[in-house]
Amino acid sequence: MRITSRVKTLLRWLGVFIALALLVMAIWLLYEAMFILERFGLMAILMALAMFSGATLLLWCIAEGHLARTRTRIRHIVIGALLLGGIGVLHSIMSSDGLEAGVYAGLSFEGPVGFILGGNIGAKYSLLRLRATSAV
C-alpha cells in the first residue's frame, strides 16, 4: 500500500500538533515545579524532560524522516528510551505494595528516568554503530 502525499502531509501536521502539545505540557510542568510547588518538584522536572525529549524526537522525525540514516538513528533512540522506560514502569509496579501506587510511581519517576537514560544510551549506540557507514 502506497501512502499518498496528502496523507503524508496530514500525518506531519498531526505530528506537529502532538509535539506542540507535549512542549506545552512540559513547560506547564516546569512552571509548576519552579513557581507553584512548595518543594522542589523533581518528578515534575523529570516528566518535563521526558516530554521535551519525546517532542524533539517527533519533530526531528517530521523534519528529516525521509532520510534513511536519520530514521535509523531515531529508531535506535526510541527503542532504547521505550525499553528502559518500560522496564522502569514494570519494576515499580512489581515492587510496590498496591497497583495504583506502583503505576503512579512508575509513570511519575522511574518511567521518565528510564526514558531519558534509554534515549541517551540509544543515541550513543547509534553513534557507535553508524560511525563506520558512509554519510548519506
Protein backbone atom coordinates (compact mmCIF):
# COMPACT_ATOMS: atom_id res chain seq x y z
CA MET A 1 0.00 0.00 0.00
CA ARG A 2 1.42 3.34 -1.04
CA ILE A 3 0.86 6.43 1.09
CA THR A 4 -0.14 9.47 -0.92
CA SER A 5 1.48 12.85 -0.43
CA ARG A 6 -1.76 14.24 1.02
CA VAL A 7 -1.78 11.57 3.76
CA LYS A 8 1.91 12.25 4.47
CA THR A 9 1.15 15.94 4.87
CA LEU A 10 -1.74 15.23 7.23
CA LEU A 11 0.43 12.88 9.31
CA ARG A 12 3.17 15.51 9.50
CA TRP A 13 0.70 18.12 10.74
CA LEU A 14 -0.69 15.65 13.27
CA GLY A 15 2.86 15.01 14.49
CA VAL A 16 3.49 18.75 14.81
CA PHE A 17 0.34 19.22 16.90
CA ILE A 18 1.28 16.29 19.16
CA ALA A 19 4.81 17.67 19.58
CA LEU A 20 3.44 21.13 20.41
CA ALA A 21 1.07 19.61 22.96
CA LEU A 22 4.00 17.78 24.57
CA LEU A 23 6.01 21.00 24.67
CA VAL A 24 3.14 22.96 26.26
CA MET A 25 2.65 20.26 28.91
CA ALA A 26 6.40 20.21 29.62
CA ILE A 27 6.52 24.00 30.01
CA TRP A 28 3.49 23.88 32.32
CA LEU A 29 5.16 21.17 34.44
CA LEU A 30 8.36 23.23 34.70
CA TYR A 31 6.38 26.33 35.65
CA GLU A 32 4.55 24.35 38.30
CA ALA A 33 7.79 22.86 39.64
CA MET A 34 9.59 26.19 39.82
CA PHE A 35 6.90 28.59 40.98
CA ILE A 36 3.85 26.81 42.39
CA LEU A 37 5.04 23.77 44.34
CA GLU A 38 6.25 24.39 47.86
CA ARG A 39 9.10 21.93 47.50
CA PHE A 40 11.36 21.41 44.54
CA GLY A 41 9.39 19.22 42.11
CA LEU A 42 11.94 16.69 40.91
CA MET A 43 9.30 14.38 39.47
CA ALA A 44 7.69 17.22 37.51
CA ILE A 45 11.09 18.22 36.12
CA LEU A 46 11.87 14.64 35.08
CA MET A 47 8.49 14.29 33.38
CA ALA A 48 9.05 17.62 31.60
CA LEU A 49 12.48 16.50 30.37
CA ALA A 50 10.99 13.26 29.07
CA MET A 51 8.26 15.23 27.27
CA PHE A 52 10.85 17.60 25.77
CA SER A 53 12.84 14.57 24.58
CA GLY A 54 9.77 12.96 23.02
CA ALA A 55 8.73 16.18 21.29
CA THR A 56 12.26 16.70 19.98
CA LEU A 57 12.37 13.18 18.55
CA LEU A 58 8.98 13.65 16.93
CA LEU A 59 9.93 16.99 15.37
CA TRP A 60 13.25 15.53 14.19
CA CYS A 61 11.39 12.65 12.57
CA ILE A 62 9.00 15.07 10.86
CA ALA A 63 11.82 17.29 9.60
CA GLU A 64 14.31 14.66 8.44
CA GLY A 65 12.39 11.40 8.48
CA HIS A 66 12.77 10.98 4.73
CA LEU A 67 16.50 10.21 5.18
CA ALA A 68 17.31 6.57 5.88
CA ARG A 69 20.22 7.32 8.22
CA THR A 70 18.12 9.70 10.31
CA ARG A 71 15.30 7.16 10.57
CA THR A 72 17.83 4.58 11.80
CA ARG A 73 19.18 6.98 14.44
CA ILE A 74 15.68 7.87 15.62
CA ARG A 75 14.77 4.16 15.76
CA HIS A 76 17.79 3.40 17.97
CA ILE A 77 16.93 6.27 20.32
CA VAL A 78 13.22 5.40 20.54
CA ILE A 79 13.86 1.70 21.14
CA GLY A 80 16.34 2.47 23.93
CA ALA A 81 14.03 5.04 25.50
CA LEU A 82 10.90 2.88 25.40
CA LEU A 83 12.75 -0.22 26.57
CA LEU A 84 14.30 1.39 29.64
CA GLY A 85 11.19 3.46 30.36
CA GLY A 86 9.01 0.35 30.18
CA ILE A 87 11.40 -1.57 32.42
CA GLY A 88 11.24 1.27 34.95
CA VAL A 89 7.43 1.30 34.97
CA LEU A 90 7.20 -2.51 35.25
CA HIS A 91 9.78 -2.54 38.04
CA SER A 92 7.87 -0.01 40.08
CA ILE A 93 4.56 -1.85 39.54
CA MET A 94 6.05 -5.19 40.60
CA SER A 95 7.94 -3.83 43.61
CA SER A 96 5.16 -1.71 45.12
CA ASP A 97 2.50 -2.76 47.59
CA GLY A 98 -0.51 -1.76 45.53
CA LEU A 99 -1.11 -1.49 41.82
CA GLU A 100 -2.20 2.16 41.95
CA ALA A 101 0.87 3.26 43.89
CA GLY A 102 3.15 1.32 41.55
CA VAL A 103 1.62 2.80 38.43
CA TYR A 104 1.83 6.32 39.86
CA ALA A 105 5.46 5.88 40.92
CA GLY A 106 6.36 4.28 37.61
CA LEU A 107 4.76 6.96 35.46
CA SER A 108 5.95 9.89 37.54
CA PHE A 109 9.54 8.90 38.39
CA GLU A 110 11.01 5.64 37.12
CA GLY A 111 9.42 5.79 33.67
CA PRO A 112 10.72 9.27 32.77
CA VAL A 113 14.17 8.48 34.19
CA GLY A 114 14.29 5.28 32.13
CA PHE A 115 13.04 7.14 29.05
CA ILE A 116 15.76 9.80 29.35
CA LEU A 117 18.56 7.33 30.13
CA GLY A 118 17.40 4.88 27.46
CA GLY A 119 17.28 7.64 24.88
CA ASN A 120 20.84 8.65 25.74
CA ILE A 121 22.03 5.05 25.57
CA GLY A 122 20.23 4.60 22.22
CA ALA A 123 21.87 7.77 20.88
CA LYS A 124 25.33 6.60 21.94
CA TYR A 125 24.67 3.16 20.42
CA SER A 126 23.56 4.81 17.19
CA LEU A 127 26.68 6.97 17.08
CA LEU A 128 28.93 3.96 17.55
CA ARG A 129 27.04 1.74 15.13
CA LEU A 130 26.58 4.25 12.32
CA ARG A 131 30.02 5.83 12.65
CA ALA A 132 31.61 3.47 10.14
CA THR A 133 28.91 3.87 7.50
CA SER A 134 29.22 6.42 4.72
CA ALA A 135 27.38 9.71 5.02
CA VAL A 136 24.08 9.95 3.18
